[in-house]
Amino acid sequence: MAETQQLEWLIEDDAAGMRLDRFLTQRGELGTRSRVHRLIAEGHVRVGDRPLKAGSVLRRGERVVVRVPATPPPRAMPAPIALDVLYEDEALLAIDKPAGLVVHPAPGHWQGTLVSALLHRWSPPPPDLDPARLGIVHRLDKDTSGVLLVAKTAAALAELGRQFHDRETDKRYLALVWGVPRHRHGTVDEPIGRHPVHRQRMAVRSRGRAAVTRYEVLESWARCALVRAYPETGRTHQIRVHLAALGHPVVADPLYARGRKSAAVAMGRQALHAESIAFRHPVSGEPLRIAAPLPADFASALAVLRGVPLTSGGPFTSVRENSTAPRVHGEAPGTSGRRRPA
């Protein structure tokens, strides 16, 4: 059985005046900022006999002691789930997550998750990673497809977590939305919090957490549009909530687009795809951009909207190569929002 681990640091001049949570996150041994906050909140971080808060300011000469409790056996079990690997080296794994795959184990989904796949892939798992999360840097909703990063060491996890926290990454998503946004480019800067009644949903809330999403309309039709979203923050359901707040929810979104259906757009899950992510390699510092091809269901929906057949002559692209401007289909000049006569 694993034993409790104890870590200690003596605060010197360069760390004096620093917040406790920032200090521990920068050390790297404890992994992500969220794990640091959890250890502090649970009383595992002390100076002498005094428990500290995340915002406690450190003083020179103090000795910070962290007792990391033994990790209970993971509730997820290994499963031979195939992963579509986009990139891998000693520190980093990037996969193309399919729609339908749950990322983290949770009540109702303890097995068959990405964690199960990683436990099978890495047997035994890296010893310095929390077996309940296994280095997963960020998350995608169950029915969102696309690029997802997994760190293979605690140091890589801490560095990638820092980049996400400090907004040094560039994330791009593709979404089919109902209707056509009025502006071709825009920014939604609205805080997001838990819905006051429907607890499985998020909503724009005045006392929520800051959230910013930039977007551009790439292509549009009479009833829907293809949008690229650039989330600058990483709140739960952020893109889905912000697009719904614009009045243009994601097609087939079961939480935020209820009652919106059309035979012309056949999607069996929310039409949201994590297209690419740019960041710096957690060890070398070299810039990387990793992209995931458009999945078959999304490509098929676009093909129907564009009125072109799917072929096997190469990957189906999200944006037509022979155009540099947004495209509008199903509208005559000056008749925005109306169909052309057949």
C-alpha atoms as a PDB file:
ATOM      1  CA  MET A   1       0.000   0.000   0.000  1.00  0.00           C
ATOM      2  CA  ALA A   2       1.314   3.475  -0.863  1.00  0.00           C
ATOM      3  CA  GLU A   3       2.485   5.638   2.029  1.00  0.00           C
ATOM      4  CA  THR A   4       1.931   9.306   2.719  1.00  0.00           C
ATOM      5  CA  GLN A   5       4.637  11.429   1.085  1.00  0.00           C
ATOM      6  CA  GLN A   6       6.050  14.514   2.832  1.00  0.00           C
ATOM      7  CA  LEU A   7       7.634  17.416   0.962  1.00  0.00           C
ATOM      8  CA  GLU A   8       9.315  20.440   2.564  1.00  0.00           C
ATOM      9  CA  TRP A   9      10.634  23.783   1.343  1.00  0.00           C
ATOM     10  CA  LEU A  10      12.489  26.536   3.214  1.00  0.00           C
ATOM     11  CA  ILE A  11      11.331  29.940   2.013  1.00  0.00           C
ATOM     12  CA  GLU A  12      14.240  32.079   0.861  1.00  0.00           C
ATOM     13  CA  ASP A  13      14.455  35.657  -0.407  1.00  0.00           C
ATOM     14  CA  ASP A  14      13.347  34.869  -3.964  1.00  0.00           C
ATOM     15  CA  ALA A  15      10.071  33.302  -2.746  1.00  0.00           C
ATOM     16  CA  ALA A  16       9.290  35.706   0.100  1.00  0.00           C
ATOM     17  CA  GLY A  17       6.076  37.626  -0.600  1.00  0.00           C
ATOM     18  CA  MET A  18       4.767  34.981  -3.003  1.00  0.00           C
ATOM     19  CA  ARG A  19       1.313  33.426  -2.659  1.00  0.00           C
ATOM     20  CA  LEU A  20       1.378  29.882  -1.321  1.00  0.00           C
ATOM     21  CA  ASP A  21      -0.562  28.361  -4.243  1.00  0.00           C
ATOM     22  CA  ARG A  22       1.678  30.018  -6.813  1.00  0.00           C
ATOM     23  CA  PHE A  23       4.821  28.909  -4.987  1.00  0.00           C
ATOM     24  CA  LEU A  24       3.739  25.262  -4.828  1.00  0.00           C
ATOM     25  CA  THR A  25       2.511  25.212  -8.430  1.00  0.00           C
ATOM     26  CA  GLN A  26       5.833  26.578  -9.660  1.00  0.00           C
ATOM     27  CA  ARG A  27       7.742  23.849  -7.821  1.00  0.00           C
ATOM     28  CA  GLY A  28       6.184  21.262 -10.159  1.00  0.00           C
ATOM     29  CA  GLU A  29       6.297  18.247  -7.824  1.00  0.00           C
ATOM     30  CA  LEU A  30       2.585  18.430  -6.998  1.00  0.00           C
ATOM     31  CA  GLY A  31       1.285  18.630 -10.565  1.00  0.00           C
ATOM     32  CA  THR A  32      -1.549  20.955 -11.507  1.00  0.00           C
ATOM     33  CA  ARG A  33      -2.764  24.122  -9.815  1.00  0.00           C
ATOM     34  CA  SER A  34      -6.105  22.431  -9.070  1.00  0.00           C
ATOM     35  CA  ARG A  35      -4.336  19.614  -7.209  1.00  0.00           C
ATOM     36  CA  VAL A  36      -2.344  22.183  -5.203  1.00  0.00           C
ATOM     37  CA  HIS A  37      -5.586  23.942  -4.251  1.00  0.00           C
ATOM     38  CA  ARG A  38      -7.167  20.630  -3.225  1.00  0.00           C
ATOM     39  CA  LEU A  39      -4.219  19.758  -0.957  1.00  0.00           C
ATOM     40  CA  ILE A  40      -4.366  23.200   0.668  1.00  0.00           C
ATOM     41  CA  ALA A  41      -8.146  23.071   1.140  1.00  0.00           C
ATOM     42  CA  GLU A  42      -7.918  19.630   2.742  1.00  0.00           C
ATOM     43  CA  GLY A  43      -5.358  20.882   5.296  1.00  0.00           C
ATOM     44  CA  HIS A  44      -2.336  19.004   3.976  1.00  0.00           C
ATOM     45  CA  VAL A  45      -0.169  22.150   3.714  1.00  0.00           C
ATOM     46  CA  ARG A  46       1.239  23.765   6.878  1.00  0.00           C
ATOM     47  CA  VAL A  47       3.871  26.083   8.285  1.00  0.00           C
ATOM     48  CA  GLY A  48       4.698  24.571  11.649  1.00  0.00           C
ATOM     49  CA  ASP A  49       1.352  23.638  13.190  1.00  0.00           C
ATOM     50  CA  ARG A  50      -0.480  26.348  11.262  1.00  0.00           C
ATOM     51  CA  PRO A  51      -2.599  25.350   8.233  1.00  0.00           C
ATOM     52  CA  LEU A  52      -2.441  27.836   5.383  1.00  0.00           C
ATOM     53  CA  LYS A  53      -4.840  29.186   2.781  1.00  0.00           C
ATOM     54  CA  ALA A  54      -4.142  29.326  -0.941  1.00  0.00           C
ATOM     55  CA  GLY A  55      -3.654  33.098  -0.810  1.00  0.00           C
ATOM     56  CA  SER A  56      -1.346  33.074   2.225  1.00  0.00           C
ATOM     57  CA  VAL A  57       1.754  35.211   1.638  1.00  0.00           C
ATOM     58  CA  LEU A  58       5.014  33.437   2.414  1.00  0.00           C
ATOM     59  CA  ARG A  59       7.726  34.956   4.592  1.00  0.00           C
ATOM     60  CA  ARG A  60      11.455  34.394   4.518  1.00  0.00           C
ATOM     61  CA  GLY A  61      12.594  31.618   6.844  1.00  0.00           C
ATOM     62  CA  GLU A  62       9.252  29.792   6.952  1.00  0.00           C
ATOM     63  CA  ARG A  63       9.261  26.065   6.298  1.00  0.00           C
ATOM     64  CA  VAL A  64       6.358  24.868   4.159  1.00  0.00           C
ATOM     65  CA  VAL A  65       5.435  21.231   4.738  1.00  0.00           C
ATOM     66  CA  VAL A  66       3.126  19.312   2.412  1.00  0.00           C
ATOM     67  CA  ARG A  67       1.876  15.873   3.394  1.00  0.00           C
ATOM     68  CA  VAL A  68       0.600  14.221   0.236  1.00  0.00           C
ATOM     69  CA  PRO A  69      -1.892  11.517   1.280  1.00  0.00           C
ATOM     70  CA  ALA A  70      -1.575   8.047  -0.161  1.00  0.00           C
ATOM     71  CA  THR A  71      -3.622   7.758  -3.310  1.00  0.00           C
ATOM     72  CA  PRO A  72      -6.394   5.173  -3.014  1.00  0.00           C
ATOM     73  CA  PRO A  73      -6.531   2.506  -5.703  1.00  0.00           C
ATOM     74  CA  PRO A  74      -8.052   3.982  -8.885  1.00  0.00           C
ATOM     75  CA  ARG A  75     -11.683   3.158  -9.399  1.00  0.00           C
ATOM     76  CA  ALA A  76     -11.178   3.090 -13.158  1.00  0.00           C
ATOM     77  CA  MET A  77      -9.968  -0.199 -14.588  1.00  0.00           C
ATOM     78  CA  PRO A  78      -7.706  -0.610 -17.637  1.00  0.00           C
ATOM     79  CA  ALA A  79      -9.576  -1.185 -20.886  1.00  0.00           C
ATOM     80  CA  PRO A  80      -8.210  -1.899 -24.395  1.00  0.00           C
ATOM     81  CA  ILE A  81      -9.663   1.256 -25.940  1.00  0.00           C
ATOM     82  CA  ALA A  82      -7.866   2.272 -29.129  1.00  0.00           C
ATOM     83  CA  LEU A  83      -6.461   5.805 -29.121  1.00  0.00           C
ATOM     84  CA  ASP A  84      -5.872   7.861 -32.257  1.00  0.00           C
ATOM     85  CA  VAL A  85      -2.443   9.329 -31.471  1.00  0.00           C
ATOM     86  CA  LEU A  86      -1.630  12.643 -33.125  1.00  0.00           C
ATOM     87  CA  TYR A  87       1.727  13.195 -31.384  1.00  0.00           C
ATOM     88  CA  GLU A  88       3.811  11.436 -28.734  1.00  0.00           C
ATOM     89  CA  ASP A  89       7.239  11.764 -27.132  1.00  0.00           C
ATOM     90  CA  GLU A  90       8.756  11.154 -23.674  1.00  0.00           C
ATOM     91  CA  ALA A  91       6.809  13.994 -22.048  1.00  0.00           C
ATOM     92  CA  LEU A  92       3.617  14.411 -24.023  1.00  0.00           C
ATOM     93  CA  LEU A  93       0.784  12.528 -25.686  1.00  0.00           C
ATOM     94  CA  ALA A  94      -1.788  14.196 -27.941  1.00  0.00           C
ATOM     95  CA  ILE A  95      -4.841  12.247 -29.090  1.00  0.00           C
ATOM     96  CA  ASP A  96      -7.816  12.814 -31.341  1.00  0.00           C
ATOM     97  CA  LYS A  97     -10.639  12.126 -28.876  1.00  0.00           C
ATOM     98  CA  PRO A  98     -13.725  10.655 -30.530  1.00  0.00           C
ATOM     99  CA  ALA A  99     -17.183  11.857 -29.636  1.00  0.00           C
ATOM    100  CA  GLY A 100     -18.743   9.594 -27.020  1.00  0.00           C
ATOM    101  CA  LEU A 101     -15.566   8.987 -24.994  1.00  0.00           C
ATOM    102  CA  VAL A 102     -15.751  10.284 -21.411  1.00  0.00           C
ATOM    103  CA  VAL A 103     -12.450  11.817 -20.276  1.00  0.00           C
ATOM    104  CA  HIS A 104     -12.495  11.406 -16.470  1.00  0.00           C
ATOM    105  CA  PRO A 105     -14.184   8.696 -14.388  1.00  0.00           C
ATOM    106  CA  ALA A 106     -17.235   9.955 -12.501  1.00  0.00           C
ATOM    107  CA  PRO A 107     -20.426   8.534 -11.019  1.00  0.00           C
ATOM    108  CA  GLY A 108     -22.181   6.714 -13.825  1.00  0.00           C
ATOM    109  CA  HIS A 109     -19.005   6.547 -15.926  1.00  0.00           C
ATOM    110  CA  TRP A 110     -16.340   4.832 -13.817  1.00  0.00           C
ATOM    111  CA  GLN A 111     -15.247   2.523 -16.618  1.00  0.00           C
ATOM    112  CA  GLY A 112     -14.555   2.868 -20.317  1.00  0.00           C
ATOM    113  CA  THR A 113     -13.115   6.390 -20.055  1.00  0.00           C
ATOM    114  CA  LEU A 114      -9.944   7.944 -21.411  1.00  0.00           C
ATOM    115  CA  VAL A 115      -8.352   7.153 -18.036  1.00  0.00           C
ATOM    116  CA  SER A 116      -9.195   3.470 -18.617  1.00  0.00           C
ATOM    117  CA  ALA A 117      -7.516   3.648 -22.026  1.00  0.00           C
ATOM    118  CA  LEU A 118      -4.396   5.270 -20.535  1.00  0.00           C
ATOM    119  CA  LEU A 119      -4.206   2.712 -17.714  1.00  0.00           C
ATOM    120  CA  HIS A 120      -4.172   0.013 -20.382  1.00  0.00           C
ATOM    121  CA  ARG A 121      -1.644   1.860 -22.535  1.00  0.00           C
ATOM    122  CA  TRP A 122       0.697   2.614 -19.608  1.00  0.00           C
ATOM    123  CA  SER A 123       0.969  -0.484 -17.436  1.00  0.00           C
ATOM    124  CA  PRO A 124       2.096   0.391 -14.871  1.00  0.00           C
ATOM    125  CA  PRO A 125       1.178   4.105 -15.095  1.00  0.00           C
ATOM    126  CA  PRO A 126       3.872   6.778 -14.565  1.00  0.00           C
ATOM    127  CA  PRO A 127       4.601   6.771 -10.806  1.00  0.00           C
ATOM    128  CA  ASP A 128       4.516  10.561 -10.363  1.00  0.00           C
ATOM    129  CA  LEU A 129       1.047  11.021 -11.871  1.00  0.00           C
ATOM    130  CA  ASP A 130      -2.280  10.853 -10.034  1.00  0.00           C
ATOM    131  CA  PRO A 131      -3.776   7.529 -11.252  1.00  0.00           C
ATOM    132  CA  ALA A 132      -7.258   9.049 -11.116  1.00  0.00           C
ATOM    133  CA  ARG A 133      -6.328  11.627 -13.774  1.00  0.00           C
ATOM    134  CA  LEU A 134      -3.131  10.274 -15.372  1.00  0.00           C
ATOM    135  CA  GLY A 135      -1.726  13.566 -16.633  1.00  0.00           C
ATOM    136  CA  ILE A 136      -4.808  14.729 -18.536  1.00  0.00           C
ATOM    137  CA  VAL A 137      -4.094  18.426 -19.037  1.00  0.00           C
ATOM    138  CA  HIS A 138      -7.544  19.690 -19.990  1.00  0.00           C
ATOM    139  CA  ARG A 139     -10.889  18.172 -20.793  1.00  0.00           C
ATOM    140  CA  LEU A 140     -13.367  17.880 -23.620  1.00  0.00           C
ATOM    141  CA  ASP A 141     -17.042  17.163 -23.080  1.00  0.00           C
ATOM    142  CA  LYS A 142     -18.128  13.592 -23.784  1.00  0.00           C
ATOM    143  CA  ASP A 143     -19.681  14.419 -27.153  1.00  0.00           C
ATOM    144  CA  THR A 144     -17.016  16.896 -28.283  1.00  0.00           C
ATOM    145  CA  SER A 145     -14.328  15.457 -30.560  1.00  0.00           C
ATOM    146  CA  GLY A 146     -10.793  16.619 -31.274  1.00  0.00           C
ATOM    147  CA  VAL A 147      -7.354  17.378 -29.861  1.00  0.00           C
ATOM    148  CA  LEU A 148      -6.682  16.534 -26.223  1.00  0.00           C
ATOM    149  CA  LEU A 149      -3.302  16.735 -24.443  1.00  0.00           C
ATOM    150  CA  VAL A 150      -1.979  14.283 -21.847  1.00  0.00           C
ATOM    151  CA  ALA A 151       1.264  14.877 -19.926  1.00  0.00           C
ATOM    152  CA  LYS A 152       3.437  11.844 -19.218  1.00  0.00           C
ATOM    153  CA  THR A 153       5.306  13.315 -16.225  1.00  0.00           C
ATOM    154  CA  ALA A 154       4.331  15.532 -13.291  1.00  0.00           C
ATOM    155  CA  ALA A 155       6.778  18.219 -14.454  1.00  0.00           C
ATOM    156  CA  ALA A 156       5.240  18.284 -17.939  1.00  0.00           C
ATOM    157  CA  LEU A 157       1.759  18.390 -16.399  1.00  0.00           C
ATOM    158  CA  ALA A 158       2.698  21.352 -14.208  1.00  0.00           C
ATOM    159  CA  GLU A 159       4.211  23.285 -17.130  1.00  0.00           C
ATOM    160  CA  LEU A 160       1.291  22.661 -19.469  1.00  0.00           C
ATOM    161  CA  GLY A 161      -1.129  23.528 -16.670  1.00  0.00           C
ATOM    162  CA  ARG A 162       0.740  26.806 -16.211  1.00  0.00           C
ATOM    163  CA  GLN A 163       0.451  27.612 -19.916  1.00  0.00           C
ATOM    164  CA  PHE A 164      -3.293  26.982 -19.830  1.00  0.00           C
ATOM    165  CA  HIS A 165      -3.705  29.045 -16.658  1.00  0.00           C
ATOM    166  CA  ASP A 166      -1.634  31.939 -18.032  1.00  0.00           C
ATOM    167  CA  ARG A 167      -3.512  31.856 -21.372  1.00  0.00           C
ATOM    168  CA  GLU A 168      -0.406  31.078 -23.383  1.00  0.00           C
ATOM    169  CA  THR A 169      -2.137  28.482 -25.555  1.00  0.00           C
ATOM    170  CA  ASP A 170      -4.146  29.004 -28.742  1.00  0.00           C
ATOM    171  CA  LYS A 171      -7.194  26.724 -28.894  1.00  0.00           C
ATOM    172  CA  ARG A 172      -9.415  26.559 -31.970  1.00  0.00           C
ATOM    173  CA  TYR A 173     -12.771  24.821 -32.240  1.00  0.00           C
ATOM    174  CA  LEU A 174     -15.195  24.312 -35.104  1.00  0.00           C
ATOM    175  CA  ALA A 175     -18.922  24.474 -34.436  1.00  0.00           C
ATOM    176  CA  LEU A 176     -22.067  24.250 -36.513  1.00  0.00           C
ATOM    177  CA  VAL A 177     -24.569  26.640 -34.970  1.00  0.00           C
ATOM    178  CA  TRP A 178     -28.247  27.346 -35.526  1.00  0.00           C
ATOM    179  CA  GLY A 179     -28.859  30.570 -37.404  1.00  0.00           C
ATOM    180  CA  VAL A 180     -26.264  33.006 -38.716  1.00  0.00           C
ATOM    181  CA  PRO A 181     -24.542  35.424 -36.312  1.00  0.00           C
ATOM    182  CA  ARG A 182     -25.098  39.064 -37.226  1.00  0.00           C
ATOM    183  CA  HIS A 183     -21.391  39.898 -37.082  1.00  0.00           C
ATOM    184  CA  ARG A 184     -18.808  37.872 -38.984  1.00  0.00           C
ATOM    185  CA  HIS A 185     -16.287  38.375 -36.177  1.00  0.00           C
ATOM    186  CA  GLY A 186     -16.987  38.975 -32.526  1.00  0.00           C
ATOM    187  CA  THR A 187     -16.103  38.390 -28.895  1.00  0.00           C
ATOM    188  CA  VAL A 188     -18.308  37.096 -26.098  1.00  0.00           C
ATOM    189  CA  ASP A 189     -17.019  38.382 -22.761  1.00  0.00           C
ATOM    190  CA  GLU A 190     -19.546  37.045 -20.249  1.00  0.00           C
ATOM    191  CA  PRO A 191     -18.956  35.301 -16.889  1.00  0.00           C
ATOM    192  CA  ILE A 192     -20.133  31.710 -16.592  1.00  0.00           C
ATOM    193  CA  GLY A 193     -21.493  29.883 -13.544  1.00  0.00           C
ATOM    194  CA  ARG A 194     -23.726  26.982 -12.639  1.00  0.00           C
ATOM    195  CA  HIS A 195     -27.361  27.358 -13.742  1.00  0.00           C
ATOM    196  CA  PRO A 196     -29.447  28.245 -10.662  1.00  0.00           C
ATOM    197  CA  VAL A 197     -32.139  25.639 -11.425  1.00  0.00           C
ATOM    198  CA  HIS A 198     -30.767  23.100 -13.916  1.00  0.00           C
ATOM    199  CA  ARG A 199     -27.597  22.003 -12.138  1.00  0.00           C
ATOM    200  CA  GLN A 200     -26.222  20.023 -15.087  1.00  0.00           C
ATOM    201  CA  ARG A 201     -26.160  23.193 -17.156  1.00  0.00           C
ATOM    202  CA  MET A 202     -23.963  26.265 -17.049  1.00  0.00           C
ATOM    203  CA  ALA A 203     -25.192  29.776 -17.808  1.00  0.00           C
ATOM    204  CA  VAL A 204     -24.069  33.372 -18.160  1.00  0.00           C
ATOM    205  CA  ARG A 205     -24.128  34.609 -14.558  1.00  0.00           C
ATOM    206  CA  SER A 206     -23.155  38.038 -13.248  1.00  0.00           C
ATOM    207  CA  ARG A 207     -21.276  36.404 -10.364  1.00  0.00           C
ATOM    208  CA  GLY A 208     -19.771  33.633 -12.462  1.00  0.00           C
ATOM    209  CA  ARG A 209     -16.146  33.168 -13.431  1.00  0.00           C
ATOM    210  CA  ALA A 210     -14.667  35.376 -16.145  1.00  0.00           C
ATOM    211  CA  ALA A 211     -14.953  33.784 -19.582  1.00  0.00           C
ATOM    212  CA  VAL A 212     -13.976  35.101 -23.021  1.00  0.00           C
ATOM    213  CA  THR A 213     -14.591  33.500 -26.422  1.00  0.00           C
ATOM    214  CA  ARG A 214     -13.664  35.036 -29.774  1.00  0.00           C
ATOM    215  CA  TYR A 215     -15.380  33.709 -32.893  1.00  0.00           C
ATOM    216  CA  GLU A 216     -15.556  34.106 -36.659  1.00  0.00           C
ATOM    217  CA  VAL A 217     -18.155  32.904 -39.140  1.00  0.00           C
ATOM    218  CA  LEU A 218     -16.464  30.788 -41.807  1.00  0.00           C
ATOM    219  CA  GLU A 219     -19.459  29.738 -43.872  1.00  0.00           C
ATOM    220  CA  SER A 220     -23.219  30.097 -43.636  1.00  0.00           C
ATOM    221  CA  TRP A 221     -26.455  28.720 -45.009  1.00  0.00           C
ATOM    222  CA  ALA A 222     -30.116  29.618 -44.602  1.00  0.00           C
ATOM    223  CA  ARG A 223     -30.545  27.908 -41.230  1.00  0.00           C
ATOM    224  CA  CYS A 224     -27.064  27.472 -39.780  1.00  0.00           C
ATOM    225  CA  ALA A 225     -23.440  28.542 -39.917  1.00  0.00           C
ATOM    226  CA  LEU A 226     -19.951  27.108 -39.518  1.00  0.00           C
ATOM    227  CA  VAL A 227     -18.105  29.021 -36.819  1.00  0.00           C
ATOM    228  CA  ARG A 228     -14.542  28.859 -35.560  1.00  0.00           C
ATOM    229  CA  ALA A 229     -14.288  29.646 -31.847  1.00  0.00           C
ATOM    230  CA  TYR A 230     -11.197  30.744 -29.942  1.00  0.00           C
ATOM    231  CA  PRO A 231     -11.757  30.288 -26.187  1.00  0.00           C
ATOM    232  CA  GLU A 232      -9.364  32.445 -24.187  1.00  0.00           C
ATOM    233  CA  THR A 233     -10.468  30.865 -20.910  1.00  0.00           C
ATOM    234  CA  GLY A 234     -11.461  27.307 -20.089  1.00  0.00           C
ATOM    235  CA  ARG A 235     -14.786  27.264 -18.258  1.00  0.00           C
ATOM    236  CA  THR A 236     -17.086  24.256 -18.285  1.00  0.00           C
ATOM    237  CA  HIS A 237     -19.232  24.237 -21.465  1.00  0.00           C
ATOM    238  CA  GLN A 238     -17.793  27.684 -22.305  1.00  0.00           C
ATOM    239  CA  ILE A 239     -18.157  27.659 -26.094  1.00  0.00           C
ATOM    240  CA  ARG A 240     -21.585  26.026 -25.906  1.00  0.00           C
ATOM    241  CA  VAL A 241     -22.851  28.561 -23.352  1.00  0.00           C
ATOM    242  CA  HIS A 242     -21.401  31.602 -25.121  1.00  0.00           C
ATOM    243  CA  LEU A 243     -22.754  30.635 -28.545  1.00  0.00           C
ATOM    244  CA  ALA A 244     -26.154  29.946 -27.002  1.00  0.00           C
ATOM    245  CA  ALA A 245     -25.996  33.358 -25.310  1.00  0.00           C
ATOM    246  CA  LEU A 246     -25.549  34.890 -28.781  1.00  0.00           C
ATOM    247  CA  GLY A 247     -28.779  33.179 -29.822  1.00  0.00           C
ATOM    248  CA  HIS A 248     -26.894  30.633 -31.941  1.00  0.00           C
ATOM    249  CA  PRO A 249     -26.535  27.388 -29.970  1.00  0.00           C
ATOM    250  CA  VAL A 250     -24.441  24.499 -31.262  1.00  0.00           C
ATOM    251  CA  VAL A 251     -26.396  22.174 -33.541  1.00  0.00           C
ATOM    252  CA  ALA A 252     -27.668  19.035 -31.744  1.00  0.00           C
ATOM    253  CA  ASP A 253     -26.542  20.287 -28.333  1.00  0.00           C
ATOM    254  CA  PRO A 254     -28.810  18.419 -25.889  1.00  0.00           C
ATOM    255  CA  LEU A 255     -28.447  21.043 -23.134  1.00  0.00           C
ATOM    256  CA  TYR A 256     -28.404  24.388 -24.914  1.00  0.00           C
ATOM    257  CA  ALA A 257     -30.246  23.792 -28.218  1.00  0.00           C
ATOM    258  CA  ARG A 258     -33.303  21.846 -27.121  1.00  0.00           C
ATOM    259  CA  GLY A 259     -36.124  21.915 -29.646  1.00  0.00           C
ATOM    260  CA  ARG A 260     -33.891  23.074 -32.517  1.00  0.00           C
ATOM    261  CA  LYS A 261     -33.937  20.443 -35.271  1.00  0.00           C
ATOM    262  CA  SER A 262     -33.711  20.275 -39.032  1.00  0.00           C
ATOM    263  CA  ALA A 263     -33.596  17.367 -41.457  1.00  0.00           C
ATOM    264  CA  ALA A 264     -30.971  19.321 -43.413  1.00  0.00           C
ATOM    265  CA  VAL A 265     -28.418  18.993 -40.579  1.00  0.00           C
ATOM    266  CA  ALA A 266     -28.026  15.383 -39.513  1.00  0.00           C
ATOM    267  CA  MET A 267     -25.807  15.267 -36.419  1.00  0.00           C
ATOM    268  CA  GLY A 268     -26.245  12.653 -33.720  1.00  0.00           C
ATOM    269  CA  ARG A 269     -24.237  14.661 -31.177  1.00  0.00           C
ATOM    270  CA  GLN A 270     -23.310  18.277 -30.551  1.00  0.00           C
ATOM    271  CA  ALA A 271     -21.509  19.666 -33.613  1.00  0.00           C
ATOM    272  CA  LEU A 272     -18.372  20.808 -31.799  1.00  0.00           C
ATOM    273  CA  HIS A 273     -14.813  19.758 -32.667  1.00  0.00           C
ATOM    274  CA  ALA A 274     -11.499  20.770 -31.048  1.00  0.00           C
ATOM    275  CA  GLU A 275      -9.713  21.569 -34.285  1.00  0.00           C
ATOM    276  CA  SER A 276      -6.221  22.463 -33.030  1.00  0.00           C
ATOM    277  CA  ILE A 277      -4.138  23.694 -30.119  1.00  0.00           C
ATOM    278  CA  ALA A 278      -0.863  25.621 -30.133  1.00  0.00           C
ATOM    279  CA  PHE A 279       1.467  25.698 -27.125  1.00  0.00           C
ATOM    280  CA  ARG A 280       5.118  25.344 -26.163  1.00  0.00           C
ATOM    281  CA  HIS A 281       6.575  21.925 -25.559  1.00  0.00           C
ATOM    282  CA  PRO A 282       6.762  21.447 -21.769  1.00  0.00           C
ATOM    283  CA  VAL A 283      10.430  20.354 -21.902  1.00  0.00           C
ATOM    284  CA  SER A 284      12.073  21.917 -24.961  1.00  0.00           C
ATOM    285  CA  GLY A 285       9.976  25.074 -25.107  1.00  0.00           C
ATOM    286  CA  GLU A 286       9.591  24.647 -28.863  1.00  0.00           C
ATOM    287  CA  PRO A 287       6.286  25.911 -30.304  1.00  0.00           C
ATOM    288  CA  LEU A 288       3.865  23.188 -31.394  1.00  0.00           C
ATOM    289  CA  ARG A 289       0.488  23.211 -33.088  1.00  0.00           C
ATOM    290  CA  ILE A 290      -1.390  19.924 -33.120  1.00  0.00           C
ATOM    291  CA  ALA A 291      -4.490  19.540 -35.272  1.00  0.00           C
ATOM    292  CA  ALA A 292      -7.189  16.883 -35.496  1.00  0.00           C
ATOM    293  CA  PRO A 293      -8.941  16.146 -38.802  1.00  0.00           C
ATOM    294  CA  LEU A 294     -12.654  16.677 -39.062  1.00  0.00           C
ATOM    295  CA  PRO A 295     -14.507  13.500 -37.971  1.00  0.00           C
ATOM    296  CA  ALA A 296     -16.771  11.661 -40.396  1.00  0.00           C
ATOM    297  CA  ASP A 297     -20.107  12.784 -38.902  1.00  0.00           C
ATOM    298  CA  PHE A 298     -19.126  16.456 -38.974  1.00  0.00           C
ATOM    299  CA  ALA A 299     -17.677  16.132 -42.494  1.00  0.00           C
ATOM    300  CA  SER A 300     -20.862  14.426 -43.688  1.00  0.00           C
ATOM    301  CA  ALA A 301     -23.060  17.200 -42.259  1.00  0.00           C
ATOM    302  CA  LEU A 302     -20.954  19.832 -44.029  1.00  0.00           C
ATOM    303  CA  ALA A 303     -21.071  17.890 -47.286  1.00  0.00           C
ATOM    304  CA  VAL A 304     -24.875  17.816 -47.186  1.00  0.00           C
ATOM    305  CA  LEU A 305     -25.048  21.531 -46.449  1.00  0.00           C
ATOM    306  CA  ARG A 306     -22.606  22.318 -49.254  1.00  0.00           C
ATOM    307  CA  GLY A 307     -24.383  19.997 -51.658  1.00  0.00           C
ATOM    308  CA  VAL A 308     -21.204  18.117 -52.512  1.00  0.00           C
ATOM    309  CA  PRO A 309     -20.454  14.397 -52.211  1.00  0.00           C
ATOM    310  CA  LEU A 310     -17.982  12.977 -49.735  1.00  0.00           C
ATOM    311  CA  THR A 311     -15.065  11.309 -51.518  1.00  0.00           C
ATOM    312  CA  SER A 312     -12.124   9.197 -50.478  1.00  0.00           C
ATOM    313  CA  GLY A 313      -9.673  11.479 -52.240  1.00  0.00           C
ATOM    314  CA  GLY A 314      -8.175  12.843 -49.046  1.00  0.00           C
ATOM    315  CA  PRO A 315      -9.261  14.393 -45.763  1.00  0.00           C
ATOM    316  CA  PHE A 316     -12.435  16.440 -45.841  1.00  0.00           C
ATOM    317  CA  THR A 317     -11.512  19.994 -44.876  1.00  0.00           C
ATOM    318  CA  SER A 318     -13.533  22.313 -42.726  1.00  0.00           C
ATOM    319  CA  VAL A 319     -12.953  25.349 -44.943  1.00  0.00           C
ATOM    320  CA  ARG A 320     -12.903  25.297 -48.716  1.00  0.00           C
ATOM    321  CA  GLU A 321      -9.404  25.848 -50.049  1.00  0.00           C
ATOM    322  CA  ASN A 322     -10.415  28.057 -52.978  1.00  0.00           C
ATOM    323  CA  SER A 323     -11.783  30.861 -50.841  1.00  0.00           C
ATOM    324  CA  THR A 324     -10.328  33.298 -48.335  1.00  0.00           C
ATOM    325  CA  ALA A 325     -13.599  34.909 -47.275  1.00  0.00           C
ATOM    326  CA  PRO A 326     -16.658  33.690 -45.411  1.00  0.00           C
ATOM    327  CA  ARG A 327     -19.219  32.090 -47.689  1.00  0.00           C
ATOM    328  CA  VAL A 328     -22.997  32.426 -47.645  1.00  0.00           C
ATOM    329  CA  HIS A 329     -25.280  29.753 -49.121  1.00  0.00           C
ATOM    330  CA  GLY A 330     -29.037  29.793 -49.670  1.00  0.00           C
ATOM    331  CA  GLU A 331     -29.346  33.600 -49.714  1.00  0.00           C
ATOM    332  CA  ALA A 332     -29.753  36.046 -52.571  1.00  0.00           C
ATOM    333  CA  PRO A 333     -27.970  39.409 -52.248  1.00  0.00           C
ATOM    334  CA  GLY A 334     -29.803  41.658 -49.845  1.00  0.00           C
ATOM    335  CA  THR A 335     -32.082  38.888 -48.548  1.00  0.00           C
ATOM    336  CA  SER A 336     -30.238  37.772 -45.436  1.00  0.00           C
ATOM    337  CA  GLY A 337     -31.940  34.908 -43.642  1.00  0.00           C
ATOM    338  CA  ARG A 338     -34.334  33.982 -46.488  1.00  0.00           C
ATOM    339  CA  ARG A 339     -34.098  31.017 -48.804  1.00  0.00           C
ATOM    340  CA  ARG A 340     -33.741  31.374 -52.537  1.00  0.00           C
ATOM    341  CA  PRO A 341     -36.729  30.091 -54.467  1.00  0.00           C
ATOM    342  CA  ALA A 342     -36.203  26.579 -55.821  1.00  0.00           C
END
